[in-house]
Amino acid sequence: MATLVRAACLTNYREVASASGLNPQRMLLDAGLSPGVLDEPDLMIPVERVGRLLQASAQASGNECFGLCMARSRLLSNLGAVGLLVRDQATLRDSLELLIRYQAVLNSALTLAIEENEHTAVIREVLIAGSTHQPTRQRAELALGVMVRGIRQLLGDDWRPRRVCFEHGPPKDLGLHTQLFGRAIEFNGEFNCIVCSRSDLDTRNPSADPAMARYAQQLVDAALKRHDASLFDDVRRTALLLLPTGQCSIEKVAEYLGVMPRTIQRRLAEQRLSFSGTINDLRRELAVRYVHETDRPLTEVADLLGFTPSSFSRWYQSQFHCSAKESRARP
């Protein structure tokens, strides 16, 4: 079963890739991801593909700090409802405890832990490398960069960690690292972590809004309760991303959602639905929209629905009892 992460982890990817001279769409497709994931922040996608994308982007662009570039303008709101809940806690300790509690909802390949002694606190971030054993450098720098950005949003822009440690070696240019983390950076360490004063954990958040925190908690709780009931919508959203790739199979959808194909079959059957019927209904909806509401060439419509031009013609005829060209010509 795939280890999943919210697609919001790719926030700023398009901008950083373009600025680095890359074609974001091409890079996403090469990594096995639909370009549409950039517009679906709550979609859960395989973390191994995210790691593959970041690694390939860093290599192709020659930008060793690719992941860090994505992190430097992140906000807690990028974490969705959980981020809103974290943002309005009374102290940093409360915020971190909530992050630890809901981490699996955001990124099941990342584990957070807090270790304290008399004067310091260590915020550890443990990454799962995945079965393909990809380098985790870009993911680690993205994760620690996002954490530092989040803490500054809670404690103020002047906050600096005592030390930031990475398992990997240093880049050739430390400029971006020192800009984001300060000069107390260590490489080739035992683990990835942020070291801060223990007193930082109990510093009051001047912007905390208890009423907003209660509201955000309701959003998070409702989202967790809806998780099981929303499989049909998740299948449709995922299929919408996969159809243009021509690989919209139940196996691919299951991989994206982190479940077994038979789970999708069983859960849809409980609603008297089938996977093939669900995909066909989605194609019908899209076909009507593309044929009647746009001027897209019919060959492009076929691509968007995952057909070849000839198979699209046969399918359209079977569904609507006329050709797409004839259908478009009607008032």
C-alpha atoms as a PDB file:
ATOM      1  CA  MET A   1       0.000   0.000   0.000  1.00  0.00           C
ATOM      2  CA  ALA A   2       1.345   3.406  -0.984  1.00  0.00           C
ATOM      3  CA  THR A   3       2.498   5.869   1.672  1.00  0.00           C
ATOM      4  CA  LEU A   4       0.596   9.090   1.052  1.00  0.00           C
ATOM      5  CA  VAL A   5       1.016  12.825   1.522  1.00  0.00           C
ATOM      6  CA  ARG A   6      -1.318  15.753   0.836  1.00  0.00           C
ATOM      7  CA  ALA A   7      -0.735  17.265  -2.586  1.00  0.00           C
ATOM      8  CA  ALA A   8      -0.353  20.595  -0.762  1.00  0.00           C
ATOM      9  CA  CYS A   9       3.227  19.488  -0.068  1.00  0.00           C
ATOM     10  CA  LEU A  10       3.883  20.648  -3.648  1.00  0.00           C
ATOM     11  CA  THR A  11       2.776  24.217  -2.928  1.00  0.00           C
ATOM     12  CA  ASN A  12       5.097  26.592  -4.852  1.00  0.00           C
ATOM     13  CA  TYR A  13       6.441  23.752  -7.013  1.00  0.00           C
ATOM     14  CA  ARG A  14       5.227  25.315 -10.250  1.00  0.00           C
ATOM     15  CA  GLU A  15       6.838  28.672  -9.454  1.00  0.00           C
ATOM     16  CA  VAL A  16      10.167  27.250  -8.272  1.00  0.00           C
ATOM     17  CA  ALA A  17      10.403  24.837 -11.204  1.00  0.00           C
ATOM     18  CA  SER A  18       9.686  27.580 -13.741  1.00  0.00           C
ATOM     19  CA  ALA A  19      12.199  29.917 -12.101  1.00  0.00           C
ATOM     20  CA  SER A  20      14.765  27.086 -12.274  1.00  0.00           C
ATOM     21  CA  GLY A  21      14.273  26.707 -16.020  1.00  0.00           C
ATOM     22  CA  LEU A  22      12.150  23.552 -15.869  1.00  0.00           C
ATOM     23  CA  ASN A  23       8.854  22.616 -17.451  1.00  0.00           C
ATOM     24  CA  PRO A  24       6.686  21.843 -14.355  1.00  0.00           C
ATOM     25  CA  GLN A  25       4.116  19.838 -16.308  1.00  0.00           C
ATOM     26  CA  ARG A  26       6.744  17.659 -17.954  1.00  0.00           C
ATOM     27  CA  MET A  27       8.540  17.040 -14.652  1.00  0.00           C
ATOM     28  CA  LEU A  28       5.297  16.020 -12.929  1.00  0.00           C
ATOM     29  CA  LEU A  29       4.361  13.606 -15.691  1.00  0.00           C
ATOM     30  CA  ASP A  30       7.836  12.080 -15.683  1.00  0.00           C
ATOM     31  CA  ALA A  31       7.485  11.494 -11.935  1.00  0.00           C
ATOM     32  CA  GLY A  32       4.146   9.715 -12.455  1.00  0.00           C
ATOM     33  CA  LEU A  33       2.015  12.605 -11.195  1.00  0.00           C
ATOM     34  CA  SER A  34      -0.754  14.419 -13.010  1.00  0.00           C
ATOM     35  CA  PRO A  35      -0.136  18.197 -13.330  1.00  0.00           C
ATOM     36  CA  GLY A  36      -3.620  18.616 -11.892  1.00  0.00           C
ATOM     37  CA  VAL A  37      -2.408  17.643  -8.417  1.00  0.00           C
ATOM     38  CA  LEU A  38      -1.065  21.193  -8.031  1.00  0.00           C
ATOM     39  CA  ASP A  39      -4.660  22.413  -7.973  1.00  0.00           C
ATOM     40  CA  GLU A  40      -5.951  19.719  -5.595  1.00  0.00           C
ATOM     41  CA  PRO A  41      -4.194  20.403  -2.264  1.00  0.00           C
ATOM     42  CA  ASP A  42      -6.296  17.913  -0.276  1.00  0.00           C
ATOM     43  CA  LEU A  43      -5.691  15.006  -2.635  1.00  0.00           C
ATOM     44  CA  MET A  44      -3.492  12.310  -1.129  1.00  0.00           C
ATOM     45  CA  ILE A  45      -0.667  11.280  -3.471  1.00  0.00           C
ATOM     46  CA  PRO A  46       2.174   8.727  -3.185  1.00  0.00           C
ATOM     47  CA  VAL A  47       5.100  10.194  -1.293  1.00  0.00           C
ATOM     48  CA  GLU A  48       7.591   8.199  -3.360  1.00  0.00           C
ATOM     49  CA  ARG A  49       6.465  10.069  -6.462  1.00  0.00           C
ATOM     50  CA  VAL A  50       6.848  13.368  -4.642  1.00  0.00           C
ATOM     51  CA  GLY A  51      10.376  12.375  -3.647  1.00  0.00           C
ATOM     52  CA  ARG A  52      11.131  11.336  -7.213  1.00  0.00           C
ATOM     53  CA  LEU A  53       9.831  14.671  -8.500  1.00  0.00           C
ATOM     54  CA  LEU A  54      11.876  16.781  -6.075  1.00  0.00           C
ATOM     55  CA  GLN A  55      15.051  14.768  -6.658  1.00  0.00           C
ATOM     56  CA  ALA A  56      14.702  14.925 -10.433  1.00  0.00           C
ATOM     57  CA  SER A  57      13.912  18.642 -10.320  1.00  0.00           C
ATOM     58  CA  ALA A  58      16.982  19.390  -8.224  1.00  0.00           C
ATOM     59  CA  GLN A  59      19.213  17.392 -10.576  1.00  0.00           C
ATOM     60  CA  ALA A  60      17.739  18.753 -13.808  1.00  0.00           C
ATOM     61  CA  SER A  61      17.924  22.367 -12.639  1.00  0.00           C
ATOM     62  CA  GLY A  62      21.267  22.123 -10.836  1.00  0.00           C
ATOM     63  CA  ASN A  63      19.547  23.724  -7.831  1.00  0.00           C
ATOM     64  CA  GLU A  64      20.708  21.812  -4.738  1.00  0.00           C
ATOM     65  CA  CYS A  65      18.263  23.795  -2.600  1.00  0.00           C
ATOM     66  CA  PHE A  66      15.152  23.084  -4.665  1.00  0.00           C
ATOM     67  CA  GLY A  67      13.075  21.830  -1.720  1.00  0.00           C
ATOM     68  CA  LEU A  68      14.192  24.727   0.439  1.00  0.00           C
ATOM     69  CA  CYS A  69      13.148  27.191  -2.263  1.00  0.00           C
ATOM     70  CA  MET A  70       9.651  25.709  -2.084  1.00  0.00           C
ATOM     71  CA  ALA A  71       9.605  26.093   1.714  1.00  0.00           C
ATOM     72  CA  ARG A  72      10.650  29.704   2.083  1.00  0.00           C
ATOM     73  CA  SER A  73       7.212  31.221   1.432  1.00  0.00           C
ATOM     74  CA  ARG A  74       5.048  28.543   3.062  1.00  0.00           C
ATOM     75  CA  LEU A  75       2.283  29.352   5.541  1.00  0.00           C
ATOM     76  CA  LEU A  76       0.429  27.244   8.082  1.00  0.00           C
ATOM     77  CA  SER A  77      -2.689  27.626   5.955  1.00  0.00           C
ATOM     78  CA  ASN A  78      -1.016  25.339   3.396  1.00  0.00           C
ATOM     79  CA  LEU A  79      -1.697  22.517   5.873  1.00  0.00           C
ATOM     80  CA  GLY A  80      -5.441  22.934   5.356  1.00  0.00           C
ATOM     81  CA  ALA A  81      -7.835  22.685   8.311  1.00  0.00           C
ATOM     82  CA  VAL A  82      -5.072  21.217  10.490  1.00  0.00           C
ATOM     83  CA  GLY A  83      -2.934  24.280   9.767  1.00  0.00           C
ATOM     84  CA  LEU A  84      -5.737  26.607  10.808  1.00  0.00           C
ATOM     85  CA  LEU A  85      -6.119  24.660  14.046  1.00  0.00           C
ATOM     86  CA  VAL A  86      -2.372  24.752  14.715  1.00  0.00           C
ATOM     87  CA  ARG A  87      -2.182  28.479  13.968  1.00  0.00           C
ATOM     88  CA  ASP A  88      -4.598  29.462  16.748  1.00  0.00           C
ATOM     89  CA  GLN A  89      -3.215  27.442  19.661  1.00  0.00           C
ATOM     90  CA  ALA A  90      -2.127  29.247  22.830  1.00  0.00           C
ATOM     91  CA  THR A  91       1.507  28.088  22.781  1.00  0.00           C
ATOM     92  CA  LEU A  92       4.035  26.525  20.433  1.00  0.00           C
ATOM     93  CA  ARG A  93       3.889  23.361  22.542  1.00  0.00           C
ATOM     94  CA  ASP A  94       0.141  23.084  21.956  1.00  0.00           C
ATOM     95  CA  SER A  95       0.635  23.610  18.219  1.00  0.00           C
ATOM     96  CA  LEU A  96       3.358  20.969  17.954  1.00  0.00           C
ATOM     97  CA  GLU A  97       1.337  18.442  19.923  1.00  0.00           C
ATOM     98  CA  LEU A  98      -1.528  18.892  17.498  1.00  0.00           C
ATOM     99  CA  LEU A  99       0.810  18.490  14.543  1.00  0.00           C
ATOM    100  CA  ILE A 100       2.071  15.242  16.026  1.00  0.00           C
ATOM    101  CA  ARG A 101      -1.513  14.090  16.603  1.00  0.00           C
ATOM    102  CA  TYR A 102      -2.633  14.750  13.033  1.00  0.00           C
ATOM    103  CA  GLN A 103       0.639  14.152  11.196  1.00  0.00           C
ATOM    104  CA  ALA A 104      -0.576  10.954   9.541  1.00  0.00           C
ATOM    105  CA  VAL A 105      -3.433  12.911   7.972  1.00  0.00           C
ATOM    106  CA  LEU A 106      -0.956  15.331   6.388  1.00  0.00           C
ATOM    107  CA  ASN A 107       1.994  13.106   5.542  1.00  0.00           C
ATOM    108  CA  SER A 108       2.171   9.471   6.566  1.00  0.00           C
ATOM    109  CA  ALA A 109       5.852   9.348   5.570  1.00  0.00           C
ATOM    110  CA  LEU A 110       6.913  11.899   8.199  1.00  0.00           C
ATOM    111  CA  THR A 111       7.048  11.376  11.955  1.00  0.00           C
ATOM    112  CA  LEU A 112       7.467  14.248  14.423  1.00  0.00           C
ATOM    113  CA  ALA A 113       8.821  13.984  17.959  1.00  0.00           C
ATOM    114  CA  ILE A 114       9.816  16.473  20.682  1.00  0.00           C
ATOM    115  CA  GLU A 115      12.671  15.736  23.077  1.00  0.00           C
ATOM    116  CA  GLU A 116      13.351  18.099  25.993  1.00  0.00           C
ATOM    117  CA  ASN A 117      16.084  18.630  28.545  1.00  0.00           C
ATOM    118  CA  GLU A 118      16.604  21.365  31.085  1.00  0.00           C
ATOM    119  CA  HIS A 119      17.262  24.201  28.659  1.00  0.00           C
ATOM    120  CA  THR A 120      16.649  22.987  25.110  1.00  0.00           C
ATOM    121  CA  ALA A 121      14.024  21.231  23.031  1.00  0.00           C
ATOM    122  CA  VAL A 122      14.704  19.131  19.942  1.00  0.00           C
ATOM    123  CA  ILE A 123      12.023  18.850  17.261  1.00  0.00           C
ATOM    124  CA  ARG A 124      12.898  15.725  15.286  1.00  0.00           C
ATOM    125  CA  GLU A 125      11.525  14.985  11.835  1.00  0.00           C
ATOM    126  CA  VAL A 126      11.936  11.366  10.742  1.00  0.00           C
ATOM    127  CA  LEU A 127      11.346  10.645   7.052  1.00  0.00           C
ATOM    128  CA  ILE A 128      10.386   7.326   5.535  1.00  0.00           C
ATOM    129  CA  ALA A 129      12.604   6.805   2.518  1.00  0.00           C
ATOM    130  CA  GLY A 130      10.156   4.490   0.721  1.00  0.00           C
ATOM    131  CA  SER A 131      10.671   1.150  -0.994  1.00  0.00           C
ATOM    132  CA  THR A 132      12.667   2.698  -3.837  1.00  0.00           C
ATOM    133  CA  HIS A 133      15.248   4.100  -1.378  1.00  0.00           C
ATOM    134  CA  GLN A 134      15.337   7.530  -2.988  1.00  0.00           C
ATOM    135  CA  PRO A 135      17.566  10.252  -1.523  1.00  0.00           C
ATOM    136  CA  THR A 136      15.591  12.239   1.034  1.00  0.00           C
ATOM    137  CA  ARG A 137      17.647  15.449   0.914  1.00  0.00           C
ATOM    138  CA  GLN A 138      15.010  17.559  -0.858  1.00  0.00           C
ATOM    139  CA  ARG A 139      12.148  16.235   1.251  1.00  0.00           C
ATOM    140  CA  ALA A 140      14.101  16.798   4.474  1.00  0.00           C
ATOM    141  CA  GLU A 141      15.000  20.390   3.621  1.00  0.00           C
ATOM    142  CA  LEU A 142      11.431  21.082   2.539  1.00  0.00           C
ATOM    143  CA  ALA A 143      10.072  19.612   5.796  1.00  0.00           C
ATOM    144  CA  LEU A 144      12.448  21.501   8.111  1.00  0.00           C
ATOM    145  CA  GLY A 145      12.017  24.694   6.121  1.00  0.00           C
ATOM    146  CA  VAL A 146       8.240  24.457   6.418  1.00  0.00           C
ATOM    147  CA  MET A 147       8.550  23.816  10.166  1.00  0.00           C
ATOM    148  CA  VAL A 148      10.752  26.872  10.746  1.00  0.00           C
ATOM    149  CA  ARG A 149       8.393  28.997   8.670  1.00  0.00           C
ATOM    150  CA  GLY A 150       5.460  27.735  10.729  1.00  0.00           C
ATOM    151  CA  ILE A 151       7.149  28.457  14.058  1.00  0.00           C
ATOM    152  CA  ARG A 152       7.956  31.990  12.930  1.00  0.00           C
ATOM    153  CA  GLN A 153       4.326  32.496  12.029  1.00  0.00           C
ATOM    154  CA  LEU A 154       3.440  31.563  15.620  1.00  0.00           C
ATOM    155  CA  LEU A 155       6.267  33.288  17.519  1.00  0.00           C
ATOM    156  CA  GLY A 156       7.212  36.169  15.217  1.00  0.00           C
ATOM    157  CA  ASP A 157       9.508  36.753  12.262  1.00  0.00           C
ATOM    158  CA  ASP A 158      12.487  37.452  14.542  1.00  0.00           C
ATOM    159  CA  TRP A 159      12.509  33.925  15.999  1.00  0.00           C
ATOM    160  CA  ARG A 160      15.625  31.877  15.200  1.00  0.00           C
ATOM    161  CA  PRO A 161      16.372  28.249  16.068  1.00  0.00           C
ATOM    162  CA  ARG A 162      19.430  27.530  18.176  1.00  0.00           C
ATOM    163  CA  ARG A 163      20.543  24.970  15.631  1.00  0.00           C
ATOM    164  CA  VAL A 164      19.241  23.088  12.607  1.00  0.00           C
ATOM    165  CA  CYS A 165      20.690  19.667  11.817  1.00  0.00           C
ATOM    166  CA  PHE A 166      20.529  17.615   8.633  1.00  0.00           C
ATOM    167  CA  GLU A 167      21.480  14.010   8.000  1.00  0.00           C
ATOM    168  CA  HIS A 168      22.862  14.849   4.553  1.00  0.00           C
ATOM    169  CA  GLY A 169      25.942  16.820   3.584  1.00  0.00           C
ATOM    170  CA  PRO A 170      26.156  20.567   2.904  1.00  0.00           C
ATOM    171  CA  PRO A 171      25.368  22.198  -0.442  1.00  0.00           C
ATOM    172  CA  LYS A 172      27.991  24.127  -2.356  1.00  0.00           C
ATOM    173  CA  ASP A 173      26.236  27.403  -1.541  1.00  0.00           C
ATOM    174  CA  LEU A 174      24.860  27.953   1.973  1.00  0.00           C
ATOM    175  CA  GLY A 175      23.242  31.292   1.155  1.00  0.00           C
ATOM    176  CA  LEU A 176      19.618  30.149   1.207  1.00  0.00           C
ATOM    177  CA  HIS A 177      20.154  27.963   4.268  1.00  0.00           C
ATOM    178  CA  THR A 178      21.583  30.814   6.329  1.00  0.00           C
ATOM    179  CA  GLN A 179      18.867  33.146   5.077  1.00  0.00           C
ATOM    180  CA  LEU A 180      16.136  30.824   6.302  1.00  0.00           C
ATOM    181  CA  PHE A 181      17.734  29.120   9.316  1.00  0.00           C
ATOM    182  CA  GLY A 182      20.532  31.424  10.468  1.00  0.00           C
ATOM    183  CA  ARG A 183      24.179  30.381  10.707  1.00  0.00           C
ATOM    184  CA  ALA A 184      23.847  27.599  13.293  1.00  0.00           C
ATOM    185  CA  ILE A 185      23.477  24.751  10.794  1.00  0.00           C
ATOM    186  CA  GLU A 186      25.024  21.295  11.028  1.00  0.00           C
ATOM    187  CA  PHE A 187      25.253  18.700   8.260  1.00  0.00           C
ATOM    188  CA  ASN A 188      25.987  14.967   8.269  1.00  0.00           C
ATOM    189  CA  GLY A 189      24.196  14.696  11.598  1.00  0.00           C
ATOM    190  CA  GLU A 190      22.555  11.707  13.235  1.00  0.00           C
ATOM    191  CA  PHE A 191      19.065  12.944  12.398  1.00  0.00           C
ATOM    192  CA  ASN A 192      17.090  15.861  10.960  1.00  0.00           C
ATOM    193  CA  CYS A 193      16.006  18.253  13.681  1.00  0.00           C
ATOM    194  CA  ILE A 194      15.437  21.790  14.882  1.00  0.00           C
ATOM    195  CA  VAL A 195      16.910  22.753  18.237  1.00  0.00           C
ATOM    196  CA  CYS A 196      15.332  25.625  20.161  1.00  0.00           C
ATOM    197  CA  SER A 197      15.115  26.943  23.696  1.00  0.00           C
ATOM    198  CA  ARG A 198      12.797  24.939  25.893  1.00  0.00           C
ATOM    199  CA  SER A 199      11.125  28.193  26.923  1.00  0.00           C
ATOM    200  CA  ASP A 200      10.082  28.694  23.271  1.00  0.00           C
ATOM    201  CA  LEU A 201       7.650  25.805  23.643  1.00  0.00           C
ATOM    202  CA  ASP A 202       5.636  27.677  26.261  1.00  0.00           C
ATOM    203  CA  THR A 203       5.843  31.125  24.679  1.00  0.00           C
ATOM    204  CA  ARG A 204       2.367  32.551  24.255  1.00  0.00           C
ATOM    205  CA  ASN A 205       1.069  32.964  20.741  1.00  0.00           C
ATOM    206  CA  PRO A 206      -0.119  36.604  20.602  1.00  0.00           C
ATOM    207  CA  SER A 207      -2.316  35.905  17.572  1.00  0.00           C
ATOM    208  CA  ALA A 208      -4.105  32.866  19.016  1.00  0.00           C
ATOM    209  CA  ASP A 209      -7.877  33.054  18.593  1.00  0.00           C
ATOM    210  CA  PRO A 210      -9.683  30.484  20.788  1.00  0.00           C
ATOM    211  CA  ALA A 211     -12.939  30.904  18.861  1.00  0.00           C
ATOM    212  CA  MET A 212     -11.198  30.221  15.557  1.00  0.00           C
ATOM    213  CA  ALA A 213      -9.390  27.234  17.108  1.00  0.00           C
ATOM    214  CA  ARG A 214     -12.749  25.737  18.151  1.00  0.00           C
ATOM    215  CA  TYR A 215     -14.109  26.262  14.665  1.00  0.00           C
ATOM    216  CA  ALA A 216     -10.994  24.741  13.061  1.00  0.00           C
ATOM    217  CA  GLN A 217     -11.270  21.737  15.405  1.00  0.00           C
ATOM    218  CA  GLN A 218     -14.802  21.163  14.155  1.00  0.00           C
ATOM    219  CA  LEU A 219     -13.533  21.274  10.560  1.00  0.00           C
ATOM    220  CA  VAL A 220     -10.803  18.761  11.312  1.00  0.00           C
ATOM    221  CA  ASP A 221     -13.148  16.411  13.187  1.00  0.00           C
ATOM    222  CA  ALA A 222     -15.732  16.604  10.413  1.00  0.00           C
ATOM    223  CA  ALA A 223     -13.078  15.909   7.789  1.00  0.00           C
ATOM    224  CA  LEU A 224     -11.913  12.811   9.661  1.00  0.00           C
ATOM    225  CA  LYS A 225     -15.497  11.540   9.983  1.00  0.00           C
ATOM    226  CA  ARG A 226     -16.112  12.111   6.291  1.00  0.00           C
ATOM    227  CA  HIS A 227     -12.976  10.260   5.277  1.00  0.00           C
ATOM    228  CA  ASP A 228     -14.614   6.853   4.916  1.00  0.00           C
ATOM    229  CA  ALA A 229     -17.790   8.221   3.350  1.00  0.00           C
ATOM    230  CA  SER A 230     -15.940  10.241   0.720  1.00  0.00           C
ATOM    231  CA  LEU A 231     -14.357   7.391  -1.230  1.00  0.00           C
ATOM    232  CA  PHE A 232     -16.723   7.888  -4.159  1.00  0.00           C
ATOM    233  CA  ASP A 233     -15.724  11.552  -4.432  1.00  0.00           C
ATOM    234  CA  ASP A 234     -12.048  10.647  -3.991  1.00  0.00           C
ATOM    235  CA  VAL A 235     -12.308   8.114  -6.819  1.00  0.00           C
ATOM    236  CA  ARG A 236     -13.890  10.701  -9.105  1.00  0.00           C
ATOM    237  CA  ARG A 237     -11.348  13.395  -8.220  1.00  0.00           C
ATOM    238  CA  THR A 238      -8.457  11.016  -8.742  1.00  0.00           C
ATOM    239  CA  ALA A 239      -9.916   9.710 -11.988  1.00  0.00           C
ATOM    240  CA  LEU A 240     -10.256  13.273 -13.216  1.00  0.00           C
ATOM    241  CA  LEU A 241      -6.505  13.644 -12.821  1.00  0.00           C
ATOM    242  CA  LEU A 242      -5.655  10.265 -14.348  1.00  0.00           C
ATOM    243  CA  LEU A 243      -7.966  10.219 -17.366  1.00  0.00           C
ATOM    244  CA  PRO A 244      -5.742  12.469 -19.546  1.00  0.00           C
ATOM    245  CA  THR A 245      -2.778  10.178 -18.876  1.00  0.00           C
ATOM    246  CA  GLY A 246      -4.577   7.167 -20.348  1.00  0.00           C
ATOM    247  CA  GLN A 247      -3.870   5.216 -17.152  1.00  0.00           C
ATOM    248  CA  CYS A 248      -7.138   5.525 -15.271  1.00  0.00           C
ATOM    249  CA  SER A 249      -7.342   1.941 -14.033  1.00  0.00           C
ATOM    250  CA  ILE A 250      -8.690   0.803 -10.688  1.00  0.00           C
ATOM    251  CA  GLU A 251      -5.135  -0.213  -9.761  1.00  0.00           C
ATOM    252  CA  LYS A 252      -3.793   3.303 -10.437  1.00  0.00           C
ATOM    253  CA  VAL A 253      -6.660   4.979  -8.573  1.00  0.00           C
ATOM    254  CA  ALA A 254      -6.158   2.618  -5.639  1.00  0.00           C
ATOM    255  CA  GLU A 255      -2.444   3.433  -5.592  1.00  0.00           C
ATOM    256  CA  TYR A 256      -3.191   7.161  -5.438  1.00  0.00           C
ATOM    257  CA  LEU A 257      -5.699   6.684  -2.620  1.00  0.00           C
ATOM    258  CA  GLY A 258      -3.501   4.298  -0.652  1.00  0.00           C
ATOM    259  CA  VAL A 259      -6.022   1.443  -0.600  1.00  0.00           C
ATOM    260  CA  MET A 260      -6.361  -1.951  -2.261  1.00  0.00           C
ATOM    261  CA  PRO A 261      -8.375  -2.214  -5.512  1.00  0.00           C
ATOM    262  CA  ARG A 262     -10.793  -4.623  -3.846  1.00  0.00           C
ATOM    263  CA  THR A 263     -11.474  -1.986  -1.173  1.00  0.00           C
ATOM    264  CA  ILE A 264     -12.662   0.412  -3.871  1.00  0.00           C
ATOM    265  CA  GLN A 265     -14.782  -2.325  -5.436  1.00  0.00           C
ATOM    266  CA  ARG A 266     -16.344  -3.274  -2.118  1.00  0.00           C
ATOM    267  CA  ARG A 267     -17.042   0.279  -0.982  1.00  0.00           C
ATOM    268  CA  LEU A 268     -18.587   1.252  -4.315  1.00  0.00           C
ATOM    269  CA  ALA A 269     -20.664  -1.936  -4.330  1.00  0.00           C
ATOM    270  CA  GLU A 270     -22.091  -0.906  -0.955  1.00  0.00           C
ATOM    271  CA  GLN A 271     -23.551   2.103  -2.782  1.00  0.00           C
ATOM    272  CA  ARG A 272     -24.683  -0.111  -5.698  1.00  0.00           C
ATOM    273  CA  LEU A 273     -21.960   1.336  -7.895  1.00  0.00           C
ATOM    274  CA  SER A 274     -19.038  -0.095  -9.842  1.00  0.00           C
ATOM    275  CA  PHE A 275     -15.665   1.350 -10.757  1.00  0.00           C
ATOM    276  CA  SER A 276     -16.231   1.034 -14.504  1.00  0.00           C
ATOM    277  CA  GLY A 277     -19.681   2.608 -14.208  1.00  0.00           C
ATOM    278  CA  THR A 278     -18.311   5.465 -12.114  1.00  0.00           C
ATOM    279  CA  ILE A 279     -15.599   6.195 -14.673  1.00  0.00           C
ATOM    280  CA  ASN A 280     -18.050   5.959 -17.553  1.00  0.00           C
ATOM    281  CA  ASP A 281     -20.432   8.404 -15.857  1.00  0.00           C
ATOM    282  CA  LEU A 282     -17.557  10.808 -15.271  1.00  0.00           C
ATOM    283  CA  ARG A 283     -16.552  10.554 -18.926  1.00  0.00           C
ATOM    284  CA  ARG A 284     -20.134  11.285 -20.000  1.00  0.00           C
ATOM    285  CA  GLU A 285     -20.224  14.415 -17.833  1.00  0.00           C
ATOM    286  CA  LEU A 286     -16.906  15.621 -19.189  1.00  0.00           C
ATOM    287  CA  ALA A 287     -17.807  14.778 -22.786  1.00  0.00           C
ATOM    288  CA  VAL A 288     -20.964  16.879 -22.616  1.00  0.00           C
ATOM    289  CA  ARG A 289     -19.006  19.771 -21.153  1.00  0.00           C
ATOM    290  CA  TYR A 290     -16.112  19.618 -23.606  1.00  0.00           C
ATOM    291  CA  VAL A 291     -18.217  19.011 -26.731  1.00  0.00           C
ATOM    292  CA  HIS A 292     -20.998  21.506 -26.029  1.00  0.00           C
ATOM    293  CA  GLU A 293     -19.391  24.158 -23.867  1.00  0.00           C
ATOM    294  CA  THR A 294     -15.939  24.504 -25.432  1.00  0.00           C
ATOM    295  CA  ASP A 295     -14.362  24.750 -28.862  1.00  0.00           C
ATOM    296  CA  ARG A 296     -11.664  22.199 -28.087  1.00  0.00           C
ATOM    297  CA  PRO A 297     -10.708  20.029 -31.069  1.00  0.00           C
ATOM    298  CA  LEU A 298     -12.348  16.622 -30.741  1.00  0.00           C
ATOM    299  CA  THR A 299      -8.935  14.956 -30.795  1.00  0.00           C
ATOM    300  CA  GLU A 300      -8.070  16.960 -27.665  1.00  0.00           C
ATOM    301  CA  VAL A 301     -11.377  15.960 -26.068  1.00  0.00           C
ATOM    302  CA  ALA A 302     -10.486  12.336 -26.751  1.00  0.00           C
ATOM    303  CA  ASP A 303      -7.102  12.809 -25.029  1.00  0.00           C
ATOM    304  CA  LEU A 304      -8.692  14.443 -21.991  1.00  0.00           C
ATOM    305  CA  LEU A 305     -11.029  11.482 -21.584  1.00  0.00           C
ATOM    306  CA  GLY A 306      -8.231   8.949 -21.991  1.00  0.00           C
ATOM    307  CA  PHE A 307      -9.244   7.713 -25.449  1.00  0.00           C
ATOM    308  CA  THR A 308      -7.604   7.486 -28.821  1.00  0.00           C
ATOM    309  CA  PRO A 309      -9.558   9.452 -31.462  1.00  0.00           C
ATOM    310  CA  SER A 310     -11.044   6.263 -32.961  1.00  0.00           C
ATOM    311  CA  SER A 311     -12.020   4.718 -29.619  1.00  0.00           C
ATOM    312  CA  PHE A 312     -13.538   8.038 -28.537  1.00  0.00           C
ATOM    313  CA  SER A 313     -15.688   8.102 -31.676  1.00  0.00           C
ATOM    314  CA  ARG A 314     -17.000   4.601 -30.997  1.00  0.00           C
ATOM    315  CA  TRP A 315     -17.596   5.318 -27.316  1.00  0.00           C
ATOM    316  CA  TYR A 316     -19.380   8.611 -27.986  1.00  0.00           C
ATOM    317  CA  GLN A 317     -21.641   6.972 -30.562  1.00  0.00           C
ATOM    318  CA  SER A 318     -22.541   4.209 -28.103  1.00  0.00           C
ATOM    319  CA  GLN A 319     -23.320   6.679 -25.327  1.00  0.00           C
ATOM    320  CA  PHE A 320     -25.183   9.429 -27.185  1.00  0.00           C
ATOM    321  CA  HIS A 321     -26.352   7.656 -30.387  1.00  0.00           C
ATOM    322  CA  CYS A 322     -24.677  10.194 -32.633  1.00  0.00           C
ATOM    323  CA  SER A 323     -21.160  11.375 -33.346  1.00  0.00           C
ATOM    324  CA  ALA A 324     -19.504  14.114 -31.332  1.00  0.00           C
ATOM    325  CA  LYS A 325     -19.301  16.255 -34.475  1.00  0.00           C
ATOM    326  CA  GLU A 326     -23.035  15.879 -35.059  1.00  0.00           C
ATOM    327  CA  SER A 327     -23.746  16.571 -31.400  1.00  0.00           C
ATOM    328  CA  ARG A 328     -21.683  19.769 -31.444  1.00  0.00           C
ATOM    329  CA  ALA A 329     -23.472  20.980 -34.608  1.00  0.00           C
ATOM    330  CA  ARG A 330     -26.871  20.804 -32.956  1.00  0.00           C
ATOM    331  CA  PRO A 331     -28.314  24.002 -31.410  1.00  0.00           C
END
